[in-house]
Amino acid sequence: MTNPLTYKDAGVNIDAKTGARQHIRELARSTYTPEVLSEIGAFGGMFECKFPGVQSPVLVSSTDGVGTKLKVAVMMNRHNTVGRDLVNHCVNDILVQGARPLFFLDYIAMGRLERETLLSVIEGLADACRDAGCALIGGETAEMPGFYADGEYDLAGFIVGVVDKAKVIDGKSIRHDDVLIGIASSGLHTNGYSLARKVFFEIAGLQPNGTIDGVEGTIGDALLRTHINYEPVLREALAKNLVEGLAHITGGGITENLDRILPAGCQAQVQLGSWPVPALFKHIATIGNVEQHEMLRATNMGIGMIAVVRPSNVQAFTATLKLPWYQIGKIIPGQPIVSYTA
């Protein structure tokens, strides 16, 4: 007679997940704000809707993932940065509409639960949530044997924020002659990794610990640089109402993100050469023989956020910034698309 079959025999270790739960609970608690009414482990996360000083609260939500940047994290066996990437990406996605983050939930799926990898990812999530003033109120860890290879995992997140209806940034106030201010990225952020991995690891035959001219640290280091949270960078400018529109430059690059905020009759004209393209992007283009128009819609090209500002507010706006910025173009009459000029 055969022994009774257990879930562990099928590849799912419930005990391992239970053993990590207390540490996860402690990490989550470290992000809690007074509005959090539930504990990790409850079926749903509860958040009390109290918004002092907000006359007409509008909730803004977004969900996203880290994409194949996770492949680089696995190659480097470094998992404490991708959680930060995810939170910061999601914070930026609601920031462009003027919202500040309230709470965050995560989803992690693994072929086989690896405790240290799991905790490292969640530590990154918790650190970024604390920095953003955002409560990590729940999540899901799925062990899916046969679906993901050992050592691989997927990561996604969901964020909710709030903005006063009178302060929503929707691009409707953008008009001709407004100025485009590009704020520097730290690198690829969380997009363009399928292209970068093909170029560096397949075409160039490099290893993650390899180096390349003009790129600080190893290729792996450069590819894992954390996605910037632009909320602290833009907080003062938003408080002073110096911004007409914001575009987070993620998948689709400048070409397919800046146009998302343009009203009818307004075209964004971006001047190529108006900002220094970091060496990492130049190497991707050169080694991979990637044309410029493709780079501009596959990567951020060194610009992580674009603000649309009145000409009369440019000096006041840029005075608030603590990151490198560049005047990269302007709004002209035309179809609501992105065009480029040399």
Protein backbone atom coordinates (compact mmCIF):
# COMPACT_ATOMS: atom_id res chain seq x y z
CA MET A 1 0.00 0.00 0.00
CA THR A 2 1.45 3.37 -0.96
CA ASN A 3 1.93 6.19 1.54
CA PRO A 4 -0.75 8.90 1.59
CA LEU A 5 -0.06 11.67 -0.89
CA THR A 6 0.51 15.14 0.56
CA TYR A 7 0.44 18.60 -1.02
CA LYS A 8 4.21 18.73 -0.40
CA ASP A 9 4.62 15.62 -2.53
CA ALA A 10 2.94 17.54 -5.35
CA GLY A 11 5.43 20.39 -4.94
CA VAL A 12 3.65 22.83 -2.61
CA ASN A 13 5.21 23.30 0.83
CA ILE A 14 2.54 24.86 3.06
CA ASP A 15 4.83 24.62 6.12
CA ALA A 16 7.51 26.74 4.44
CA LYS A 17 4.99 29.48 3.67
CA THR A 18 3.64 29.36 7.22
CA GLY A 19 7.17 29.61 8.61
CA ALA A 20 7.87 32.79 6.65
CA ARG A 21 4.54 34.41 7.55
CA GLN A 22 5.61 35.92 10.88
CA HIS A 23 8.60 37.67 9.32
CA ILE A 24 6.38 38.95 6.51
CA ARG A 25 3.86 40.21 9.05
CA GLU A 26 6.60 42.14 10.87
CA LEU A 27 7.83 43.69 7.61
CA ALA A 28 4.32 44.75 6.69
CA ARG A 29 3.59 46.19 10.14
CA SER A 30 6.64 48.44 9.78
CA THR A 31 4.84 50.22 6.91
CA TYR A 32 1.48 50.68 8.63
CA THR A 33 -0.11 54.08 8.94
CA PRO A 34 -2.85 54.88 11.49
CA GLU A 35 -5.52 54.20 8.85
CA VAL A 36 -4.65 50.48 8.58
CA LEU A 37 -7.22 48.39 10.48
CA SER A 38 -6.23 44.85 9.53
CA GLU A 39 -3.28 42.49 9.91
CA ILE A 40 -1.41 40.51 7.29
CA GLY A 41 -3.13 37.15 7.10
CA ALA A 42 -6.67 38.52 7.04
CA PHE A 43 -8.72 37.73 3.97
CA GLY A 44 -8.77 41.40 3.02
CA GLY A 45 -6.75 44.47 3.93
CA MET A 46 -8.74 47.24 5.63
CA PHE A 47 -7.91 50.93 5.33
CA GLU A 48 -9.92 53.70 7.00
CA CYS A 49 -10.73 56.50 4.56
CA LYS A 50 -9.69 59.61 6.47
CA PHE A 51 -8.15 62.34 4.33
CA PRO A 52 -7.50 65.49 6.40
CA GLY A 53 -7.37 68.61 4.26
CA VAL A 54 -8.79 66.89 1.18
CA GLN A 55 -12.10 68.53 0.25
CA SER A 56 -13.23 66.10 -2.43
CA PRO A 57 -11.13 62.90 -2.38
CA VAL A 58 -10.58 60.98 -5.59
CA LEU A 59 -9.05 57.50 -5.35
CA VAL A 60 -6.45 56.66 -7.99
CA SER A 61 -5.36 53.05 -8.52
CA SER A 62 -2.81 51.25 -10.67
CA THR A 63 -1.28 47.82 -11.06
CA ASP A 64 1.96 46.74 -12.69
CA GLY A 65 4.86 44.30 -12.65
CA VAL A 66 8.63 44.34 -12.93
CA GLY A 67 8.83 42.40 -16.20
CA THR A 68 11.94 40.50 -17.18
CA LYS A 69 14.13 42.58 -14.86
CA LEU A 70 13.39 39.62 -12.59
CA LYS A 71 15.57 37.47 -14.87
CA VAL A 72 18.54 39.71 -14.07
CA ALA A 73 17.76 39.52 -10.34
CA VAL A 74 17.82 35.72 -10.59
CA MET A 75 21.08 35.77 -12.58
CA MET A 76 22.67 38.02 -9.94
CA ASN A 77 20.98 36.20 -7.02
CA ARG A 78 20.05 39.67 -5.75
CA HIS A 79 16.39 40.05 -4.87
CA ASN A 80 16.20 43.03 -2.51
CA THR A 81 15.88 45.66 -5.26
CA VAL A 82 12.99 44.42 -7.41
CA GLY A 83 10.46 45.02 -4.63
CA ARG A 84 11.59 48.64 -4.50
CA ASP A 85 11.30 48.83 -8.29
CA LEU A 86 7.72 47.63 -8.16
CA VAL A 87 6.54 50.02 -5.45
CA ASN A 88 8.30 53.03 -6.96
CA HIS A 89 6.93 52.27 -10.41
CA CYS A 90 3.38 52.10 -9.06
CA VAL A 91 3.82 55.26 -6.96
CA ASN A 92 4.91 57.12 -10.11
CA ASP A 93 1.95 55.82 -12.08
CA ILE A 94 -0.54 57.48 -9.72
CA LEU A 95 1.71 60.49 -9.08
CA VAL A 96 1.22 61.67 -12.66
CA GLN A 97 -2.42 62.34 -11.81
CA GLY A 98 -1.44 64.17 -8.63
CA ALA A 99 -2.15 61.35 -6.17
CA ARG A 100 -0.19 60.43 -3.06
CA PRO A 101 -0.04 56.72 -2.18
CA LEU A 102 -2.19 55.21 0.57
CA PHE A 103 -1.72 51.45 0.44
CA PHE A 104 -0.11 48.69 -1.61
CA LEU A 105 -0.68 44.97 -2.20
CA ASP A 106 1.69 42.50 -3.83
CA TYR A 107 1.50 39.21 -5.69
CA ILE A 108 4.49 36.84 -5.77
CA ALA A 109 4.37 33.53 -7.64
CA MET A 110 7.13 30.90 -7.46
CA GLY A 111 7.63 27.42 -8.82
CA ARG A 112 8.97 26.32 -5.44
CA LEU A 113 8.86 28.56 -2.39
CA GLU A 114 12.36 29.74 -1.51
CA ARG A 115 12.19 31.44 1.87
CA GLU A 116 15.24 33.69 1.57
CA THR A 117 14.30 34.90 -1.91
CA LEU A 118 10.73 35.57 -0.79
CA LEU A 119 11.78 37.53 2.29
CA SER A 120 14.37 39.50 0.35
CA VAL A 121 11.74 40.58 -2.18
CA ILE A 122 9.28 41.55 0.56
CA GLU A 123 11.96 43.48 2.45
CA GLY A 124 12.41 45.59 -0.68
CA LEU A 125 8.65 46.10 -0.93
CA ALA A 126 8.42 47.14 2.71
CA ASP A 127 11.42 49.49 2.53
CA ALA A 128 9.98 51.29 -0.50
CA CYS A 129 6.51 51.47 1.04
CA ARG A 130 7.91 53.05 4.22
CA ASP A 131 9.88 55.57 2.18
CA ALA A 132 6.75 56.43 0.20
CA GLY A 133 4.46 56.67 3.24
CA CYS A 134 2.46 53.82 1.78
CA ALA A 135 1.10 50.92 3.85
CA LEU A 136 1.75 47.35 2.68
CA ILE A 137 -1.61 45.93 3.78
CA GLY A 138 -1.78 42.57 2.02
CA GLY A 139 -0.65 40.28 -0.73
CA GLU A 140 -0.52 36.77 -2.07
CA THR A 141 2.31 34.27 -2.32
CA ALA A 142 1.52 31.50 -4.78
CA GLU A 143 3.60 28.32 -5.06
CA MET A 144 3.04 26.89 -8.53
CA PRO A 145 5.20 23.84 -9.26
CA GLY A 146 5.46 22.99 -12.93
CA PHE A 147 4.50 26.52 -13.94
CA TYR A 148 7.70 28.37 -13.01
CA ALA A 149 11.16 26.82 -13.14
CA ASP A 150 13.01 26.42 -9.84
CA GLY A 151 14.56 29.72 -8.82
CA GLU A 152 12.23 31.81 -10.98
CA TYR A 153 9.30 33.90 -9.82
CA ASP A 154 6.91 36.62 -10.89
CA LEU A 155 6.07 39.81 -9.06
CA ALA A 156 3.20 42.27 -9.43
CA GLY A 157 1.66 45.01 -7.32
CA PHE A 158 -1.47 47.06 -6.84
CA ILE A 159 -1.56 50.58 -5.41
CA VAL A 160 -4.28 52.99 -4.29
CA GLY A 161 -3.72 56.70 -3.70
CA VAL A 162 -5.76 59.84 -3.18
CA VAL A 163 -5.89 63.32 -4.68
CA ASP A 164 -8.23 66.24 -4.10
CA LYS A 165 -10.50 66.54 -7.14
CA ALA A 166 -9.49 70.18 -7.56
CA LYS A 167 -5.82 69.12 -7.82
CA VAL A 168 -6.15 66.26 -10.30
CA ILE A 169 -3.51 66.48 -13.05
CA ASP A 170 -5.07 65.26 -16.29
CA GLY A 171 -3.29 67.30 -18.97
CA LYS A 172 -6.44 69.20 -19.95
CA SER A 173 -4.75 72.52 -19.14
CA ILE A 174 -1.79 71.85 -21.47
CA ARG A 175 -1.54 74.47 -24.24
CA HIS A 176 0.72 75.57 -27.08
CA ASP A 177 4.24 76.78 -26.13
CA ASP A 178 4.24 74.91 -22.81
CA VAL A 179 7.71 73.53 -22.05
CA LEU A 180 8.74 69.87 -21.68
CA ILE A 181 11.08 69.23 -18.75
CA GLY A 182 12.67 65.79 -18.68
CA ILE A 183 13.87 64.44 -15.32
CA ALA A 184 16.69 61.91 -15.35
CA SER A 185 16.18 58.19 -14.80
CA SER A 186 18.59 55.93 -12.93
CA GLY A 187 18.80 53.54 -15.86
CA LEU A 188 16.31 51.24 -17.56
CA HIS A 189 13.99 51.41 -14.51
CA THR A 190 11.57 48.51 -15.17
CA ASN A 191 11.23 48.44 -18.95
CA GLY A 192 13.29 47.34 -21.94
CA TYR A 193 14.85 44.34 -20.21
CA SER A 194 14.01 41.76 -22.85
CA LEU A 195 15.93 43.92 -25.33
CA ALA A 196 18.81 44.63 -22.93
CA ARG A 197 19.23 40.98 -21.96
CA LYS A 198 19.29 39.92 -25.61
CA VAL A 199 21.88 42.57 -26.46
CA PHE A 200 24.24 42.10 -23.53
CA PHE A 201 23.91 38.40 -22.72
CA GLU A 202 23.18 36.89 -26.14
CA ILE A 203 24.62 39.16 -28.83
CA ALA A 204 27.59 40.54 -26.84
CA GLY A 205 28.04 37.30 -24.87
CA LEU A 206 28.64 39.17 -21.60
CA GLN A 207 28.11 37.80 -18.12
CA PRO A 208 26.25 39.77 -15.42
CA ASN A 209 29.57 40.42 -13.65
CA GLY A 210 31.13 41.77 -16.87
CA THR A 211 31.85 45.43 -17.47
CA ILE A 212 31.47 47.79 -20.40
CA ASP A 213 32.97 51.20 -21.18
CA GLY A 214 31.23 54.17 -19.61
CA VAL A 215 28.90 52.10 -17.42
CA GLU A 216 29.57 52.24 -13.70
CA GLY A 217 29.92 48.86 -12.00
CA THR A 218 29.05 45.57 -13.66
CA ILE A 219 26.40 45.06 -16.30
CA GLY A 220 24.31 43.32 -13.65
CA ASP A 221 24.71 46.28 -11.29
CA ALA A 222 23.66 48.72 -14.01
CA LEU A 223 20.62 46.67 -14.99
CA LEU A 224 19.44 46.33 -11.37
CA ARG A 225 19.65 50.02 -10.50
CA THR A 226 16.44 50.91 -8.71
CA HIS A 227 13.54 52.64 -10.40
CA ILE A 228 13.35 56.19 -9.00
CA ASN A 229 10.36 57.30 -6.92
CA TYR A 230 9.64 60.79 -8.29
CA GLU A 231 7.07 61.75 -5.65
CA PRO A 232 9.61 63.39 -3.30
CA VAL A 233 11.23 65.06 -6.32
CA LEU A 234 7.98 66.62 -7.49
CA ARG A 235 6.21 67.17 -4.15
CA GLU A 236 7.07 70.87 -3.83
CA ALA A 237 6.26 71.66 -7.47
CA LEU A 238 2.89 69.96 -7.19
CA ALA A 239 2.09 71.80 -3.97
CA LYS A 240 2.82 75.08 -5.78
CA ASN A 241 0.66 74.10 -8.80
CA LEU A 242 3.59 74.48 -11.20
CA VAL A 243 2.73 71.45 -13.38
CA GLU A 244 0.18 71.14 -16.21
CA GLY A 245 0.88 67.50 -17.03
CA LEU A 246 3.13 64.58 -16.07
CA ALA A 247 4.16 61.49 -18.04
CA HIS A 248 5.88 58.51 -16.42
CA ILE A 249 8.22 57.12 -19.08
CA THR A 250 7.80 53.35 -18.83
CA GLY A 251 7.02 50.66 -21.41
CA GLY A 252 6.57 52.40 -24.76
CA GLY A 253 9.25 54.96 -23.94
CA ILE A 254 8.79 58.66 -24.60
CA THR A 255 6.91 57.96 -27.83
CA GLU A 256 4.02 56.03 -26.32
CA ASN A 257 3.75 57.64 -22.87
CA LEU A 258 3.99 61.39 -23.40
CA ASP A 259 1.12 61.32 -25.90
CA ARG A 260 -1.20 59.83 -23.24
CA ILE A 261 -1.57 63.21 -21.51
CA LEU A 262 -1.96 65.46 -24.56
CA PRO A 263 -5.29 67.22 -25.20
CA ALA A 264 -6.71 67.65 -28.70
CA GLY A 265 -4.75 70.06 -30.88
CA CYS A 266 -1.55 69.75 -28.85
CA GLN A 267 1.54 67.91 -30.08
CA ALA A 268 4.63 67.25 -28.01
CA GLN A 269 7.75 68.15 -29.99
CA VAL A 270 10.83 66.56 -28.42
CA GLN A 271 14.24 67.88 -29.40
CA LEU A 272 16.73 65.04 -29.82
CA GLY A 273 20.15 65.84 -28.40
CA SER A 274 18.73 68.11 -25.69
CA TRP A 275 19.69 65.68 -22.95
CA PRO A 276 22.69 63.36 -22.48
CA VAL A 277 21.76 59.77 -23.28
CA PRO A 278 23.52 57.51 -20.73
CA ALA A 279 26.14 55.06 -21.99
CA LEU A 280 24.00 52.04 -21.11
CA PHE A 281 21.40 53.02 -23.72
CA LYS A 282 24.07 53.86 -26.32
CA HIS A 283 25.59 50.41 -25.93
CA ILE A 284 22.19 48.74 -26.35
CA ALA A 285 21.66 50.68 -29.58
CA THR A 286 25.17 50.06 -30.94
CA ILE A 287 25.64 46.40 -30.01
CA GLY A 288 22.10 45.47 -30.98
CA ASN A 289 21.97 47.69 -34.08
CA VAL A 290 18.73 49.16 -32.69
CA GLU A 291 17.45 52.18 -34.59
CA GLN A 292 16.79 55.42 -32.72
CA HIS A 293 13.02 55.38 -33.17
CA GLU A 294 12.93 51.87 -31.67
CA MET A 295 15.07 52.90 -28.70
CA LEU A 296 12.71 55.83 -28.06
CA ARG A 297 9.72 53.52 -27.74
CA ALA A 298 11.43 50.55 -26.08
CA THR A 299 13.38 52.38 -23.34
CA ASN A 300 13.29 55.65 -21.41
CA MET A 301 16.63 56.79 -22.93
CA GLY A 302 17.65 58.39 -19.64
CA ILE A 303 14.42 60.32 -19.01
CA GLY A 304 12.17 58.80 -16.34
CA MET A 305 9.54 61.51 -15.99
CA ILE A 306 8.42 64.39 -18.20
CA ALA A 307 6.66 67.46 -16.83
CA VAL A 308 4.71 69.93 -18.95
CA VAL A 309 5.19 73.43 -17.52
CA ARG A 310 4.13 76.95 -18.48
CA PRO A 311 7.09 79.00 -19.84
CA SER A 312 6.55 81.48 -17.01
CA ASN A 313 6.87 78.68 -14.42
CA VAL A 314 9.98 76.91 -15.75
CA GLN A 315 12.43 78.70 -13.44
CA ALA A 316 10.28 78.18 -10.35
CA PHE A 317 9.64 74.54 -11.29
CA THR A 318 13.25 73.57 -11.96
CA ALA A 319 14.36 75.30 -8.76
CA THR A 320 12.42 72.65 -6.81
CA LEU A 321 14.11 69.66 -8.47
CA LYS A 322 16.83 67.65 -6.73
CA LEU A 323 17.64 65.47 -9.77
CA PRO A 324 19.23 66.35 -13.11
CA TRP A 325 16.68 67.89 -15.50
CA TYR A 326 16.68 69.00 -19.11
CA GLN A 327 14.47 71.22 -21.25
CA ILE A 328 13.71 68.70 -23.98
CA GLY A 329 11.01 70.32 -26.10
CA LYS A 330 7.69 72.11 -26.19
CA ILE A 331 4.02 71.81 -27.04
CA ILE A 332 3.11 72.84 -30.60
CA PRO A 333 -0.16 72.84 -32.59
CA GLY A 334 -0.96 69.49 -34.15
CA GLN A 335 -2.29 66.01 -33.55
CA PRO A 336 -1.87 64.73 -29.97
CA ILE A 337 1.24 62.66 -30.70
CA VAL A 338 4.95 62.86 -29.95
CA SER A 339 7.15 64.18 -32.75
CA TYR A 340 10.92 64.57 -32.82
CA THR A 341 13.20 67.27 -34.15
CA ALA A 342 16.98 67.26 -34.41
